[in-house]
């Protein structure tokens, strides 16, 4: 996923279909300098992680 789209999704009030390793996730924040995003698993909101934007897929 590119930085601009990730930022759009993170700031959108609507829920988008974003996946990390085939798991639905929510993008909390985007770090454009490092091309990473802070995400959490929708099934386990306590499980936060920072991942490379290239590993996120919008379906």
PDB file of N, CA and C in Angstrom:
ATOM      1  N   UNK A   1       0.857  -1.165   0.000  1.00  0.00           N
ATOM      2  CA  UNK A   1       0.000   0.000   0.000  1.00  0.00           C
ATOM      3  C   UNK A   1       0.909   1.235   0.000  1.00  0.00           C
ATOM      4  N   UNK A   2       0.495   2.247  -0.721  1.00  0.00           N
ATOM      5  CA  UNK A   2       1.321   3.451  -0.747  1.00  0.00           C
ATOM      6  C   UNK A   2       0.982   4.365   0.435  1.00  0.00           C
ATOM      7  N   UNK A   3       1.885   5.279   0.729  1.00  0.00           N
ATOM      8  CA  UNK A   3       1.774   6.147   1.904  1.00  0.00           C
ATOM      9  C   UNK A   3       0.507   6.987   1.854  1.00  0.00           C
ATOM     10  N   UNK A   4       0.222   7.578   0.708  1.00  0.00           N
ATOM     11  CA  UNK A   4      -0.946   8.456   0.588  1.00  0.00           C
ATOM     12  C   UNK A   4      -2.236   7.701   0.886  1.00  0.00           C
ATOM     13  N   UNK A   5      -2.390   6.511   0.323  1.00  0.00           N
ATOM     14  CA  UNK A   5      -3.620   5.740   0.550  1.00  0.00           C
ATOM     15  C   UNK A   5      -3.722   5.317   2.011  1.00  0.00           C
ATOM     16  N   UNK A   6      -2.629   4.926   2.606  1.00  0.00           N
ATOM     17  CA  UNK A   6      -2.647   4.531   4.017  1.00  0.00           C
ATOM     18  C   UNK A   6      -3.070   5.708   4.896  1.00  0.00           C
ATOM     19  N   UNK A   7      -2.579   6.893   4.590  1.00  0.00           N
ATOM     20  CA  UNK A   7      -2.965   8.083   5.351  1.00  0.00           C
ATOM     21  C   UNK A   7      -4.446   8.398   5.165  1.00  0.00           C
ATOM     22  N   UNK A   8      -4.947   8.242   3.947  1.00  0.00           N
ATOM     23  CA  UNK A   8      -6.372   8.468   3.685  1.00  0.00           C
ATOM     24  C   UNK A   8      -7.223   7.516   4.510  1.00  0.00           C
ATOM     25  N   UNK A   9      -6.834   6.255   4.532  1.00  0.00           N
ATOM     26  CA  UNK A   9      -7.587   5.248   5.287  1.00  0.00           C
ATOM     27  C   UNK A   9      -7.524   5.547   6.782  1.00  0.00           C
ATOM     28  N   UNK A  10      -6.346   5.894   7.285  1.00  0.00           N
ATOM     29  CA  UNK A  10      -6.187   6.174   8.715  1.00  0.00           C
ATOM     30  C   UNK A  10      -7.039   7.364   9.159  1.00  0.00           C
ATOM     31  N   UNK A  11      -7.221   8.344   8.299  1.00  0.00           N
ATOM     32  CA  UNK A  11      -7.984   9.533   8.682  1.00  0.00           C
ATOM     33  C   UNK A  11      -9.467   9.440   8.317  1.00  0.00           C
ATOM     34  N   UNK A  12      -9.861   8.398   7.635  1.00  0.00           N
ATOM     35  CA  UNK A  12     -11.250   8.237   7.210  1.00  0.00           C
ATOM     36  C   UNK A  12     -12.125   7.751   8.366  1.00  0.00           C
ATOM     37  N   UNK A  13     -13.335   8.304   8.488  1.00  0.00           N
ATOM     38  CA  UNK A  13     -14.257   7.816   9.523  1.00  0.00           C
ATOM     39  C   UNK A  13     -14.891   6.467   9.135  1.00  0.00           C
ATOM     40  N   UNK A  14     -14.784   6.104   7.866  1.00  0.00           N
ATOM     41  CA  UNK A  14     -15.359   4.843   7.386  1.00  0.00           C
ATOM     42  C   UNK A  14     -14.357   3.706   7.533  1.00  0.00           C
ATOM     43  N   UNK A  15     -14.868   2.531   7.859  1.00  0.00           N
ATOM     44  CA  UNK A  15     -14.022   1.355   7.992  1.00  0.00           C
ATOM     45  C   UNK A  15     -13.685   0.816   6.602  1.00  0.00           C
ATOM     46  N   UNK A  16     -12.413   0.601   6.350  1.00  0.00           N
ATOM     47  CA  UNK A  16     -11.957   0.063   5.066  1.00  0.00           C
ATOM     48  C   UNK A  16     -11.498  -1.369   5.272  1.00  0.00           C
ATOM     49  N   UNK A  17     -11.447  -2.130   4.191  1.00  0.00           N
ATOM     50  CA  UNK A  17     -11.037  -3.528   4.248  1.00  0.00           C
ATOM     51  C   UNK A  17      -9.538  -3.616   3.996  1.00  0.00           C
ATOM     52  N   UNK A  18      -8.771  -3.557   5.085  1.00  0.00           N
ATOM     53  CA  UNK A  18      -7.318  -3.616   5.004  1.00  0.00           C
ATOM     54  C   UNK A  18      -6.856  -4.886   5.708  1.00  0.00           C
ATOM     55  N   UNK A  19      -5.886  -5.560   5.090  1.00  0.00           N
ATOM     56  CA  UNK A  19      -5.411  -6.839   5.620  1.00  0.00           C
ATOM     57  C   UNK A  19      -3.900  -6.854   5.752  1.00  0.00           C
ATOM     58  N   UNK A  20      -3.455  -7.544   6.801  1.00  0.00           N
ATOM     59  CA  UNK A  20      -2.041  -7.804   7.035  1.00  0.00           C
ATOM     60  C   UNK A  20      -1.930  -9.310   7.270  1.00  0.00           C
ATOM     61  N   UNK A  21      -1.200  -9.995   6.408  1.00  0.00           N
ATOM     62  CA  UNK A  21      -1.089 -11.459   6.485  1.00  0.00           C
ATOM     63  C   UNK A  21      -2.469 -12.130   6.519  1.00  0.00           C
ATOM     64  N   UNK A  22      -3.364 -11.656   5.656  1.00  0.00           N
ATOM     65  CA  UNK A  22      -4.726 -12.190   5.527  1.00  0.00           C
ATOM     66  C   UNK A  22      -5.590 -12.003   6.770  1.00  0.00           C
ATOM     67  N   UNK A  23      -5.214 -11.083   7.644  1.00  0.00           N
ATOM     68  CA  UNK A  23      -5.982 -10.771   8.838  1.00  0.00           C
ATOM     69  C   UNK A  23      -6.469  -9.329   8.715  1.00  0.00           C
ATOM     70  N   UNK A  24      -7.762  -9.101   8.960  1.00  0.00           N
ATOM     71  CA  UNK A  24      -8.329  -7.755   8.889  1.00  0.00           C
ATOM     72  C   UNK A  24      -7.738  -6.892   9.998  1.00  0.00           C
ATOM     73  N   UNK A  25      -7.274  -5.690   9.619  1.00  0.00           N
ATOM     74  CA  UNK A  25      -6.635  -4.792  10.578  1.00  0.00           C
ATOM     75  C   UNK A  25      -7.180  -3.376  10.446  1.00  0.00           C
ATOM     76  N   UNK A  26      -6.906  -2.582  11.463  1.00  0.00           N
ATOM     77  CA  UNK A  26      -7.258  -1.169  11.491  1.00  0.00           C
ATOM     78  C   UNK A  26      -5.959  -0.368  11.521  1.00  0.00           C
ATOM     79  N   UNK A  27      -5.863   0.625  10.659  1.00  0.00           N
ATOM     80  CA  UNK A  27      -4.670   1.485  10.638  1.00  0.00           C
ATOM     81  C   UNK A  27      -4.896   2.645  11.598  1.00  0.00           C
ATOM     82  N   UNK A  28      -4.060   2.718  12.636  1.00  0.00           N
ATOM     83  CA  UNK A  28      -4.168   3.793  13.615  1.00  0.00           C
ATOM     84  C   UNK A  28      -3.410   5.034  13.174  1.00  0.00           C
ATOM     85  N   UNK A  29      -2.204   4.821  12.663  1.00  0.00           N
ATOM     86  CA  UNK A  29      -1.351   5.946  12.289  1.00  0.00           C
ATOM     87  C   UNK A  29      -0.355   5.496  11.231  1.00  0.00           C
ATOM     88  N   UNK A  30       0.126   6.472  10.454  1.00  0.00           N
ATOM     89  CA  UNK A  30       1.092   6.196   9.391  1.00  0.00           C
ATOM     90  C   UNK A  30       2.344   7.031   9.652  1.00  0.00           C
ATOM     91  N   UNK A  31       3.493   6.398   9.494  1.00  0.00           N
ATOM     92  CA  UNK A  31       4.783   7.079   9.617  1.00  0.00           C
ATOM     93  C   UNK A  31       5.396   7.152   8.221  1.00  0.00           C
ATOM     94  N   UNK A  32       5.199   8.272   7.504  1.00  0.00           N
ATOM     95  CA  UNK A  32       5.679   8.369   6.127  1.00  0.00           C
ATOM     96  C   UNK A  32       7.204   8.334   6.010  1.00  0.00           C
ATOM     97  N   UNK A  33       7.908   8.786   7.034  1.00  0.00           N
ATOM     98  CA  UNK A  33       9.376   8.783   6.972  1.00  0.00           C
ATOM     99  C   UNK A  33       9.943   7.371   6.946  1.00  0.00           C
ATOM    100  N   UNK A  34       9.274   6.446   7.634  1.00  0.00           N
ATOM    101  CA  UNK A  34       9.745   5.064   7.703  1.00  0.00           C
ATOM    102  C   UNK A  34       8.919   4.098   6.858  1.00  0.00           C
ATOM    103  N   UNK A  35       7.888   4.627   6.172  1.00  0.00           N
ATOM    104  CA  UNK A  35       6.969   3.805   5.371  1.00  0.00           C
ATOM    105  C   UNK A  35       6.378   2.668   6.192  1.00  0.00           C
ATOM    106  N   UNK A  36       5.924   3.030   7.412  1.00  0.00           N
ATOM    107  CA  UNK A  36       5.304   2.048   8.291  1.00  0.00           C
ATOM    108  C   UNK A  36       3.950   2.550   8.761  1.00  0.00           C
ATOM    109  N   UNK A  37       3.174   1.628   9.322  1.00  0.00           N
ATOM    110  CA  UNK A  37       1.878   1.973   9.886  1.00  0.00           C
ATOM    111  C   UNK A  37       1.720   1.269  11.221  1.00  0.00           C
ATOM    112  N   UNK A  38       1.047   1.944  12.139  1.00  0.00           N
ATOM    113  CA  UNK A  38       0.690   1.344  13.425  1.00  0.00           C
ATOM    114  C   UNK A  38      -0.695   0.748  13.229  1.00  0.00           C
ATOM    115  N   UNK A  39      -0.818  -0.553  13.424  1.00  0.00           N
ATOM    116  CA  UNK A  39      -2.084  -1.242  13.163  1.00  0.00           C
ATOM    117  C   UNK A  39      -2.471  -2.101  14.360  1.00  0.00           C
ATOM    118  N   UNK A  40      -3.739  -2.552  14.341  1.00  0.00           N
ATOM    119  CA  UNK A  40      -4.135  -3.607  15.274  1.00  0.00           C
ATOM    120  C   UNK A  40      -5.105  -4.542  14.583  1.00  0.00           C
ATOM    121  N   UNK A  41      -5.072  -5.776  15.041  1.00  0.00           N
ATOM    122  CA  UNK A  41      -5.931  -6.850  14.555  1.00  0.00           C
ATOM    123  C   UNK A  41      -7.356  -6.551  15.016  1.00  0.00           C
ATOM    124  N   UNK A  42      -8.323  -6.602  14.107  1.00  0.00           N
ATOM    125  CA  UNK A  42      -9.706  -6.300  14.476  1.00  0.00           C
ATOM    126  C   UNK A  42     -10.286  -7.330  15.437  1.00  0.00           C
ATOM    127  N   UNK A  43      -9.729  -8.528  15.458  1.00  0.00           N
ATOM    128  CA  UNK A  43     -10.211  -9.566  16.369  1.00  0.00           C
ATOM    129  C   UNK A  43      -9.578  -9.433  17.751  1.00  0.00           C
ATOM    130  N   UNK A  44      -8.475  -8.714  17.834  1.00  0.00           N
ATOM    131  CA  UNK A  44      -7.731  -8.568  19.090  1.00  0.00           C
ATOM    132  C   UNK A  44      -7.173  -7.157  19.146  1.00  0.00           C
ATOM    133  N   UNK A  45      -7.984  -6.222  19.589  1.00  0.00           N
ATOM    134  CA  UNK A  45      -7.606  -4.804  19.543  1.00  0.00           C
ATOM    135  C   UNK A  45      -6.449  -4.455  20.479  1.00  0.00           C
ATOM    136  N   UNK A  46      -6.091  -5.341  21.382  1.00  0.00           N
ATOM    137  CA  UNK A  46      -4.954  -5.114  22.267  1.00  0.00           C
ATOM    138  C   UNK A  46      -3.633  -5.455  21.581  1.00  0.00           C
ATOM    139  N   UNK A  47      -3.695  -6.147  20.453  1.00  0.00           N
ATOM    140  CA  UNK A  47      -2.513  -6.615  19.739  1.00  0.00           C
ATOM    141  C   UNK A  47      -2.079  -5.582  18.704  1.00  0.00           C
ATOM    142  N   UNK A  48      -1.381  -4.532  19.147  1.00  0.00           N
ATOM    143  CA  UNK A  48      -0.909  -3.479  18.245  1.00  0.00           C
ATOM    144  C   UNK A  48       0.485  -3.815  17.738  1.00  0.00           C
ATOM    145  N   UNK A  49       0.769  -3.388  16.506  1.00  0.00           N
ATOM    146  CA  UNK A  49       2.101  -3.600  15.950  1.00  0.00           C
ATOM    147  C   UNK A  49       2.396  -2.554  14.885  1.00  0.00           C
ATOM    148  N   UNK A  50       3.667  -2.385  14.590  1.00  0.00           N
ATOM    149  CA  UNK A  50       4.109  -1.504  13.523  1.00  0.00           C
ATOM    150  C   UNK A  50       4.594  -2.375  12.382  1.00  0.00           C
ATOM    151  N   UNK A  51       4.062  -2.105  11.176  1.00  0.00           N
ATOM    152  CA  UNK A  51       4.392  -2.932  10.021  1.00  0.00           C
ATOM    153  C   UNK A  51       4.765  -2.059   8.828  1.00  0.00           C
ATOM    154  N   UNK A  52       5.459  -2.645   7.884  1.00  0.00           N
ATOM    155  CA  UNK A  52       5.817  -1.975   6.641  1.00  0.00           C
ATOM    156  C   UNK A  52       4.557  -1.806   5.802  1.00  0.00           C
ATOM    157  N   UNK A  53       4.388  -0.630   5.199  1.00  0.00           N
ATOM    158  CA  UNK A  53       3.207  -0.380   4.372  1.00  0.00           C
ATOM    159  C   UNK A  53       3.085  -1.361   3.216  1.00  0.00           C
ATOM    160  N   UNK A  54       4.204  -1.862   2.737  1.00  0.00           N
ATOM    161  CA  UNK A  54       4.186  -2.829   1.638  1.00  0.00           C
ATOM    162  C   UNK A  54       3.514  -4.126   1.990  1.00  0.00           C
ATOM    163  N   UNK A  55       3.324  -4.383   3.293  1.00  0.00           N
ATOM    164  CA  UNK A  55       2.681  -5.614   3.744  1.00  0.00           C
ATOM    165  C   UNK A  55       1.182  -5.466   3.948  1.00  0.00           C
ATOM    166  N   UNK A  56       0.651  -4.266   3.738  1.00  0.00           N
ATOM    167  CA  UNK A  56      -0.785  -4.028   3.891  1.00  0.00           C
ATOM    168  C   UNK A  56      -1.475  -4.091   2.537  1.00  0.00           C
ATOM    169  N   UNK A  57      -2.634  -4.732   2.529  1.00  0.00           N
ATOM    170  CA  UNK A  57      -3.394  -4.893   1.284  1.00  0.00           C
ATOM    171  C   UNK A  57      -4.826  -4.414   1.524  1.00  0.00           C
ATOM    172  N   UNK A  58      -5.324  -3.595   0.611  1.00  0.00           N
ATOM    173  CA  UNK A  58      -6.719  -3.167   0.669  1.00  0.00           C
ATOM    174  C   UNK A  58      -7.507  -4.034  -0.303  1.00  0.00           C
ATOM    175  N   UNK A  59      -8.585  -4.624   0.194  1.00  0.00           N
ATOM    176  CA  UNK A  59      -9.434  -5.480  -0.660  1.00  0.00           C
ATOM    177  C   UNK A  59     -10.794  -4.865  -0.839  1.00  0.00           C
TER     178      UNK A  59
END
